[in-house]
Amino acid sequence: MEDGLDKWMDAAKAAGQIFDGATIALAGSGGGLLEPDAVLAALEQRFLRTGHPRDLTVVHALGIGDGKSSGLSRFAHAGMVRRVIGGHWRLVAGDAADGTRQRVRGL
């Protein structure tokens, strides 16, 4: 019987699985609770280092992040996100939210 542990991977490897143009859905309770921020941080670091993945569609229902630099704020880089389908931006840092609103569709 397989124990399932072989299906786990570290954050950098998970971020490496996301390709240009992918749609990703974020879950969590907002305000930093139950959010995959280690994966989001690895995704941001990968984008800043390589320029990929780009043109993402991000789907979220809650405010994801701490209102400073985590969560949705990690996507506030030109070219990283093409479209956002979401319902809450209060926890995105001010400059990041303003810049993202100007560059992506759906806000």
C-alpha atoms as a PDB file:
ATOM      1  CA  MET A   1       0.000   0.000   0.000  1.00  0.00           C
ATOM      2  CA  GLU A   2       1.311   3.388  -0.986  1.00  0.00           C
ATOM      3  CA  ASP A   3       1.547   5.937   1.832  1.00  0.00           C
ATOM      4  CA  GLY A   4       1.153   8.988  -0.428  1.00  0.00           C
ATOM      5  CA  LEU A   5       4.295  10.726   0.804  1.00  0.00           C
ATOM      6  CA  ASP A   6       5.913  10.337  -2.600  1.00  0.00           C
ATOM      7  CA  LYS A   7       3.342  12.801  -3.963  1.00  0.00           C
ATOM      8  CA  TRP A   8       4.661  15.692  -1.845  1.00  0.00           C
ATOM      9  CA  MET A   9       7.224  18.139  -3.213  1.00  0.00           C
ATOM     10  CA  ASP A  10       8.993  21.211  -1.949  1.00  0.00           C
ATOM     11  CA  ALA A  11       7.783  24.720  -2.817  1.00  0.00           C
ATOM     12  CA  ALA A  12      10.410  25.369  -5.511  1.00  0.00           C
ATOM     13  CA  LYS A  13       9.584  22.137  -7.308  1.00  0.00           C
ATOM     14  CA  ALA A  14       5.849  22.915  -7.141  1.00  0.00           C
ATOM     15  CA  ALA A  15       6.479  26.410  -8.531  1.00  0.00           C
ATOM     16  CA  GLY A  16       8.539  24.842 -11.305  1.00  0.00           C
ATOM     17  CA  GLN A  17       5.477  22.901 -12.482  1.00  0.00           C
ATOM     18  CA  ILE A  18       3.576  26.092 -13.386  1.00  0.00           C
ATOM     19  CA  PHE A  19       3.917  26.996 -17.056  1.00  0.00           C
ATOM     20  CA  ASP A  20       3.431  30.215 -19.041  1.00  0.00           C
ATOM     21  CA  GLY A  21      -0.267  30.972 -19.520  1.00  0.00           C
ATOM     22  CA  ALA A  22      -1.380  28.618 -16.732  1.00  0.00           C
ATOM     23  CA  THR A  23      -4.474  29.220 -14.624  1.00  0.00           C
ATOM     24  CA  ILE A  24      -3.843  28.880 -10.918  1.00  0.00           C
ATOM     25  CA  ALA A  25      -6.401  28.955  -8.127  1.00  0.00           C
ATOM     26  CA  LEU A  26      -5.460  30.246  -4.690  1.00  0.00           C
ATOM     27  CA  ALA A  27      -7.154  29.181  -1.509  1.00  0.00           C
ATOM     28  CA  GLY A  28      -6.818  30.256   2.081  1.00  0.00           C
ATOM     29  CA  SER A  29      -8.663  32.077   4.790  1.00  0.00           C
ATOM     30  CA  GLY A  30      -7.218  35.498   4.033  1.00  0.00           C
ATOM     31  CA  GLY A  31      -4.820  37.511   6.121  1.00  0.00           C
ATOM     32  CA  GLY A  32      -2.095  34.882   5.849  1.00  0.00           C
ATOM     33  CA  LEU A  33      -4.117  31.957   7.216  1.00  0.00           C
ATOM     34  CA  LEU A  34      -3.900  28.590   5.470  1.00  0.00           C
ATOM     35  CA  GLU A  35      -2.276  30.161   2.430  1.00  0.00           C
ATOM     36  CA  PRO A  36       0.425  28.465   0.308  1.00  0.00           C
ATOM     37  CA  ASP A  37       2.820  31.374   0.684  1.00  0.00           C
ATOM     38  CA  ALA A  38       5.966  29.240   0.453  1.00  0.00           C
ATOM     39  CA  VAL A  39       4.819  28.167  -3.023  1.00  0.00           C
ATOM     40  CA  LEU A  40       3.822  31.731  -3.949  1.00  0.00           C
ATOM     41  CA  ALA A  41       7.229  33.003  -2.763  1.00  0.00           C
ATOM     42  CA  ALA A  42       9.008  30.340  -4.843  1.00  0.00           C
ATOM     43  CA  LEU A  43       6.865  31.266  -7.845  1.00  0.00           C
ATOM     44  CA  GLU A  44       7.709  34.947  -7.423  1.00  0.00           C
ATOM     45  CA  GLN A  45      11.432  34.189  -7.049  1.00  0.00           C
ATOM     46  CA  ARG A  46      11.355  32.024 -10.169  1.00  0.00           C
ATOM     47  CA  PHE A  47       9.629  34.782 -12.157  1.00  0.00           C
ATOM     48  CA  LEU A  48      12.092  37.431 -10.987  1.00  0.00           C
ATOM     49  CA  ARG A  49      15.022  35.161 -11.835  1.00  0.00           C
ATOM     50  CA  THR A  50      13.834  33.799 -15.225  1.00  0.00           C
ATOM     51  CA  GLY A  51      10.815  35.832 -16.378  1.00  0.00           C
ATOM     52  CA  HIS A  52       8.670  32.676 -16.206  1.00  0.00           C
ATOM     53  CA  PRO A  53       5.954  31.728 -15.724  1.00  0.00           C
ATOM     54  CA  ARG A  54       4.270  34.705 -17.355  1.00  0.00           C
ATOM     55  CA  ASP A  55       0.752  35.610 -18.513  1.00  0.00           C
ATOM     56  CA  LEU A  56      -0.876  33.703 -15.659  1.00  0.00           C
ATOM     57  CA  THR A  57      -4.571  33.727 -14.869  1.00  0.00           C
ATOM     58  CA  VAL A  58      -5.021  33.920 -11.088  1.00  0.00           C
ATOM     59  CA  VAL A  59      -8.315  32.848  -9.508  1.00  0.00           C
ATOM     60  CA  HIS A  60      -9.046  33.693  -5.870  1.00  0.00           C
ATOM     61  CA  ALA A  61     -12.057  34.336  -3.695  1.00  0.00           C
ATOM     62  CA  LEU A  62     -10.555  35.761  -0.525  1.00  0.00           C
ATOM     63  CA  GLY A  63      -7.940  38.333   0.374  1.00  0.00           C
ATOM     64  CA  ILE A  64      -4.752  36.304   0.046  1.00  0.00           C
ATOM     65  CA  GLY A  65      -1.784  37.819   1.870  1.00  0.00           C
ATOM     66  CA  ASP A  66      -0.710  39.998   4.752  1.00  0.00           C
ATOM     67  CA  GLY A  67      -1.269  43.414   3.167  1.00  0.00           C
ATOM     68  CA  LYS A  68       2.494  43.877   2.780  1.00  0.00           C
ATOM     69  CA  SER A  69       4.525  41.489   0.666  1.00  0.00           C
ATOM     70  CA  SER A  70       2.949  38.030   0.785  1.00  0.00           C
ATOM     71  CA  GLY A  71       0.014  36.402  -0.996  1.00  0.00           C
ATOM     72  CA  LEU A  72      -1.360  38.229  -4.034  1.00  0.00           C
ATOM     73  CA  SER A  73       1.327  40.909  -3.674  1.00  0.00           C
ATOM     74  CA  ARG A  74       3.807  38.318  -4.966  1.00  0.00           C
ATOM     75  CA  PHE A  75       2.124  38.497  -8.397  1.00  0.00           C
ATOM     76  CA  ALA A  76       2.549  42.265  -8.823  1.00  0.00           C
ATOM     77  CA  HIS A  77       5.287  42.111 -11.446  1.00  0.00           C
ATOM     78  CA  ALA A  78       4.856  43.297 -15.024  1.00  0.00           C
ATOM     79  CA  GLY A  79       4.200  40.332 -17.297  1.00  0.00           C
ATOM     80  CA  MET A  80       3.573  37.776 -14.574  1.00  0.00           C
ATOM     81  CA  VAL A  81      -0.230  37.979 -14.584  1.00  0.00           C
ATOM     82  CA  ARG A  82      -2.511  38.494 -17.548  1.00  0.00           C
ATOM     83  CA  ARG A  83      -5.920  38.064 -15.922  1.00  0.00           C
ATOM     84  CA  VAL A  84      -7.335  37.958 -12.404  1.00  0.00           C
ATOM     85  CA  ILE A  85     -10.662  36.438 -11.446  1.00  0.00           C
ATOM     86  CA  GLY A  86     -11.147  37.336  -7.827  1.00  0.00           C
ATOM     87  CA  GLY A  87     -13.200  39.046  -5.243  1.00  0.00           C
ATOM     88  CA  HIS A  88     -10.943  40.720  -2.710  1.00  0.00           C
ATOM     89  CA  TRP A  89      -7.891  42.984  -3.048  1.00  0.00           C
ATOM     90  CA  ARG A  90      -7.704  44.615   0.373  1.00  0.00           C
ATOM     91  CA  LEU A  91      -4.738  42.476   1.462  1.00  0.00           C
ATOM     92  CA  VAL A  92      -2.579  43.361  -1.543  1.00  0.00           C
ATOM     93  CA  ALA A  93       0.001  46.016  -0.720  1.00  0.00           C
ATOM     94  CA  GLY A  94      -0.994  49.474  -2.012  1.00  0.00           C
ATOM     95  CA  ASP A  95       1.575  50.011  -4.766  1.00  0.00           C
ATOM     96  CA  ALA A  96       1.359  46.383  -5.857  1.00  0.00           C
ATOM     97  CA  ALA A  97      -2.437  46.541  -6.125  1.00  0.00           C
ATOM     98  CA  ASP A  98      -2.383  49.806  -8.067  1.00  0.00           C
ATOM     99  CA  GLY A  99       0.281  48.592 -10.479  1.00  0.00           C
ATOM    100  CA  THR A 100      -1.414  45.242 -11.003  1.00  0.00           C
ATOM    101  CA  ARG A 101      -4.784  46.880 -11.690  1.00  0.00           C
ATOM    102  CA  GLN A 102      -3.199  48.888 -14.469  1.00  0.00           C
ATOM    103  CA  ARG A 103      -1.556  45.876 -16.145  1.00  0.00           C
ATOM    104  CA  VAL A 104      -3.998  42.967 -15.998  1.00  0.00           C
ATOM    105  CA  ARG A 105      -7.453  42.235 -17.356  1.00  0.00           C
ATOM    106  CA  GLY A 106     -10.368  41.553 -15.076  1.00  0.00           C
ATOM    107  CA  LEU A 107      -9.834  44.095 -12.313  1.00  0.00           C
END
